[in-house]
């Protein structure tokens, strides 16, 4: 790993893009402490921050082949961290809302494990439905809601017009809402987690 200690961030990113594990370890050593401190400031929990750091670098390694080496790798890492923090907080908010819903609508002696089963089932069904979308729509939806890309960034990456991206996102969200219109209102909490941005 010493061979990578004195090279620039841009050079290091290129080696990571090429799949060199030693370069990836150096990237982790170079930036993980800063991302950890950044995460702790927002999450106020060291364990959650450690988990978030692991997830950030896991995403980098999994997507290393599409790394844009012309982009500042530090800025890219922190962008992923910010999106991960947002997702983490959103997830916690959804779980809290679900728990509040259960508390207000079910007897106190109801089985907690049953509530968790319902929660997990709704989430799993939504993920399954996303995978069943037409390929282009699914890619656009995932890039927007999971990767946190803007409509313009998605259009550029997929070589599409901005209007096409907007229309596909609108159809994706409408599809999910229509499927669950007869379900428990708690499903809206999950749909809201996918639909934070307004659509034209």
Protein backbone atom coordinates (compact mmCIF):
# COMPACT_ATOMS: atom_id res chain seq x y z
CA UNK A 1 0.00 0.00 0.00
CA UNK A 2 3.00 2.31 0.48
CA UNK A 3 3.29 2.66 -3.28
CA UNK A 4 0.05 4.66 -3.29
CA UNK A 5 0.64 6.88 -0.26
CA UNK A 6 2.33 9.72 -2.11
CA UNK A 7 0.25 9.88 -5.26
CA UNK A 8 -2.52 12.40 -5.90
CA UNK A 9 -6.19 11.71 -5.25
CA UNK A 10 -6.85 11.66 -9.00
CA UNK A 11 -4.15 9.08 -9.61
CA UNK A 12 -5.40 7.01 -6.71
CA UNK A 13 -8.93 7.09 -8.13
CA UNK A 14 -7.61 5.77 -11.44
CA UNK A 15 -5.97 2.81 -9.71
CA UNK A 16 -9.21 2.11 -7.80
CA UNK A 17 -11.14 2.27 -11.06
CA UNK A 18 -8.79 -0.38 -12.42
CA UNK A 19 -9.67 -2.67 -9.52
CA UNK A 20 -6.43 -2.47 -7.53
CA UNK A 21 -7.26 -3.48 -3.96
CA UNK A 22 -4.17 -1.86 -2.46
CA UNK A 23 -5.24 1.46 -3.97
CA UNK A 24 -8.72 1.00 -2.55
CA UNK A 25 -7.28 0.35 0.92
CA UNK A 26 -5.25 3.55 0.60
CA UNK A 27 -8.39 5.44 -0.44
CA UNK A 28 -10.12 4.10 2.65
CA UNK A 29 -7.22 5.07 4.94
CA UNK A 30 -7.01 8.50 3.37
CA UNK A 31 -10.66 9.50 3.58
CA UNK A 32 -12.53 7.28 6.03
CA UNK A 33 -11.56 9.29 9.16
CA UNK A 34 -12.92 12.49 7.62
CA UNK A 35 -16.12 10.85 6.47
CA UNK A 36 -16.53 9.25 9.89
CA UNK A 37 -16.23 12.63 11.66
CA UNK A 38 -18.63 14.14 9.14
CA UNK A 39 -21.17 11.35 9.74
CA UNK A 40 -20.91 11.57 13.54
CA UNK A 41 -21.74 15.27 13.39
CA UNK A 42 -25.05 14.47 11.71
CA UNK A 43 -25.99 11.07 13.12
CA UNK A 44 -24.77 11.69 16.69
CA UNK A 45 -24.00 8.01 17.00
CA UNK A 46 -20.56 6.44 16.56
CA UNK A 47 -21.85 2.98 15.65
CA UNK A 48 -24.17 4.38 12.98
CA UNK A 49 -21.34 6.52 11.63
CA UNK A 50 -19.02 3.51 11.37
CA UNK A 51 -21.68 1.57 9.49
CA UNK A 52 -22.23 4.49 7.15
CA UNK A 53 -18.50 4.74 6.37
CA UNK A 54 -18.43 1.05 5.47
CA UNK A 55 -21.43 1.50 3.19
CA UNK A 56 -19.90 4.52 1.45
CA UNK A 57 -16.71 2.66 0.55
CA UNK A 58 -18.61 -0.48 -0.35
CA UNK A 59 -20.53 1.57 -2.93
CA UNK A 60 -17.28 2.98 -4.28
CA UNK A 61 -15.81 -0.50 -4.74
CA UNK A 62 -18.96 -1.94 -6.27
CA UNK A 63 -19.17 0.93 -8.78
CA UNK A 64 -15.44 1.37 -9.32
CA UNK A 65 -15.63 0.57 -13.03
CA UNK A 66 -17.86 3.60 -13.68
CA UNK A 67 -15.85 6.05 -11.56
CA UNK A 68 -15.42 9.36 -13.33
CA UNK A 69 -11.72 10.01 -12.75
CA UNK A 70 -12.15 13.57 -14.03
CA UNK A 71 -14.32 14.21 -10.99
CA UNK A 72 -12.83 15.15 -7.62
CA UNK A 73 -12.82 11.85 -5.72
CA UNK A 74 -13.06 13.59 -2.35
CA UNK A 75 -16.15 15.51 -3.46
CA UNK A 76 -17.63 12.30 -4.87
CA UNK A 77 -17.06 10.44 -1.61
CA UNK A 78 -18.71 13.16 0.42
CA UNK A 79 -21.63 13.29 -2.01
CA UNK A 80 -22.21 9.59 -1.40
CA UNK A 81 -21.85 10.20 2.34
CA UNK A 82 -24.43 12.99 2.27
CA UNK A 83 -26.88 10.82 0.31
CA UNK A 84 -26.27 7.93 2.71
CA UNK A 85 -26.89 10.15 5.72
CA UNK A 86 -30.11 11.39 4.13
CA UNK A 87 -31.23 7.82 3.42
CA UNK A 88 -30.33 6.73 6.95
CA UNK A 89 -32.28 9.57 8.57
CA UNK A 90 -35.20 9.00 6.20
CA UNK A 91 -35.22 5.30 7.05
CA UNK A 92 -35.23 6.07 10.78
CA UNK A 93 -38.09 8.53 10.25
CA UNK A 94 -40.11 5.92 8.37
CA UNK A 95 -39.53 3.34 11.09
CA UNK A 96 -40.56 5.85 13.76
CA UNK A 97 -43.69 6.76 11.82
CA UNK A 98 -44.50 3.07 11.43
CA UNK A 99 -44.05 2.48 15.15
CA UNK A 100 -46.32 5.45 15.90
CA UNK A 101 -48.91 4.06 13.49
CA UNK A 102 -48.78 0.66 15.18
CA UNK A 103 -48.98 2.22 18.64
CA UNK A 104 -52.10 4.18 17.71
CA UNK A 105 -53.88 1.47 15.73
CA UNK A 106 -53.06 -1.85 17.40
CA UNK A 107 -53.45 -3.17 20.96
CA UNK A 108 -50.41 -2.85 23.17
CA UNK A 109 -50.22 -6.61 23.61
CA UNK A 110 -49.87 -7.19 19.85
CA UNK A 111 -46.76 -9.08 18.85
CA UNK A 112 -43.87 -6.75 17.97
CA UNK A 113 -42.47 -9.36 15.62
CA UNK A 114 -45.70 -9.30 13.62
CA UNK A 115 -45.33 -5.54 13.13
CA UNK A 116 -41.78 -6.01 11.93
CA UNK A 117 -42.89 -8.71 9.51
CA UNK A 118 -45.45 -6.31 7.99
CA UNK A 119 -42.84 -3.56 7.77
CA UNK A 120 -40.31 -5.85 6.06
CA UNK A 121 -42.93 -7.28 3.71
CA UNK A 122 -44.04 -3.86 2.49
CA UNK A 123 -40.45 -2.83 1.89
CA UNK A 124 -39.66 -6.09 0.07
CA UNK A 125 -42.74 -5.76 -2.13
CA UNK A 126 -41.76 -2.24 -3.14
CA UNK A 127 -38.27 -3.37 -4.07
CA UNK A 128 -39.73 -6.24 -6.08
CA UNK A 129 -42.01 -3.87 -7.97
CA UNK A 130 -39.10 -1.59 -8.79
CA UNK A 131 -37.22 -4.54 -10.28
CA UNK A 132 -40.25 -5.37 -12.41
CA UNK A 133 -40.36 -1.93 -14.04
CA UNK A 134 -39.26 -1.57 -17.68
CA UNK A 135 -35.46 -1.48 -17.75
CA UNK A 136 -35.06 2.18 -18.68
CA UNK A 137 -37.63 3.33 -16.10
CA UNK A 138 -36.04 1.19 -13.40
CA UNK A 139 -32.56 2.54 -14.12
CA UNK A 140 -33.81 6.13 -14.03
CA UNK A 141 -35.74 5.53 -10.81
CA UNK A 142 -32.80 3.88 -9.06
CA UNK A 143 -30.32 6.54 -10.17
CA UNK A 144 -32.66 9.19 -8.82
CA UNK A 145 -33.85 7.65 -5.58
CA UNK A 146 -31.00 5.33 -4.62
CA UNK A 147 -27.95 7.09 -6.07
CA UNK A 148 -29.27 10.61 -5.52
CA UNK A 149 -28.53 11.89 -9.02
CA UNK A 150 -30.36 14.91 -10.37
CA UNK A 151 -32.53 14.67 -13.46
CA UNK A 152 -29.84 16.41 -15.51
CA UNK A 153 -27.15 14.01 -14.27
CA UNK A 154 -29.33 11.03 -15.14
CA UNK A 155 -30.08 12.43 -18.60
CA UNK A 156 -26.37 12.94 -19.24
CA UNK A 157 -25.38 9.49 -18.00
CA UNK A 158 -28.07 7.64 -19.98
CA UNK A 159 -27.95 9.92 -23.04
CA UNK A 160 -31.60 10.89 -22.67
CA UNK A 161 -33.50 14.16 -22.73
CA UNK A 162 -34.45 15.81 -19.45
CA UNK A 163 -38.14 15.49 -20.36
CA UNK A 164 -37.78 11.74 -20.85
CA UNK A 165 -36.21 11.40 -17.40
CA UNK A 166 -39.00 13.45 -15.80
CA UNK A 167 -41.72 11.46 -17.55
CA UNK A 168 -40.20 8.11 -16.59
CA UNK A 169 -39.86 9.15 -12.95
CA UNK A 170 -43.46 10.34 -12.90
CA UNK A 171 -44.66 7.04 -14.37
CA UNK A 172 -42.59 5.04 -11.89
CA UNK A 173 -44.05 6.87 -8.90
CA UNK A 174 -47.59 6.70 -10.31
CA UNK A 175 -47.16 2.96 -10.85
CA UNK A 176 -46.16 2.39 -7.23
CA UNK A 177 -48.95 4.56 -5.85
CA UNK A 178 -51.60 2.94 -8.04
CA UNK A 179 -50.59 -0.56 -6.96
CA UNK A 180 -50.92 0.25 -3.28
CA UNK A 181 -54.04 2.43 -3.39
CA UNK A 182 -56.08 -0.27 -1.63
CA UNK A 183 -53.42 -1.13 0.92
CA UNK A 184 -52.93 0.09 4.48
CA UNK A 185 -52.18 3.80 4.68
CA UNK A 186 -48.82 2.96 6.26
CA UNK A 187 -47.63 2.14 2.74
CA UNK A 188 -47.70 5.88 2.03
CA UNK A 189 -44.76 6.26 4.38
CA UNK A 190 -42.69 4.05 2.12
CA UNK A 191 -43.90 5.73 -1.03
CA UNK A 192 -42.99 9.10 0.43
CA UNK A 193 -39.45 7.82 0.93
CA UNK A 194 -39.26 7.35 -2.85
CA UNK A 195 -41.12 10.51 -3.77
CA UNK A 196 -39.43 13.36 -1.94
CA UNK A 197 -38.82 15.31 -5.15
CA UNK A 198 -41.67 16.99 -7.08
CA UNK A 199 -42.36 15.90 -10.63
CA UNK A 200 -43.50 18.02 -13.55
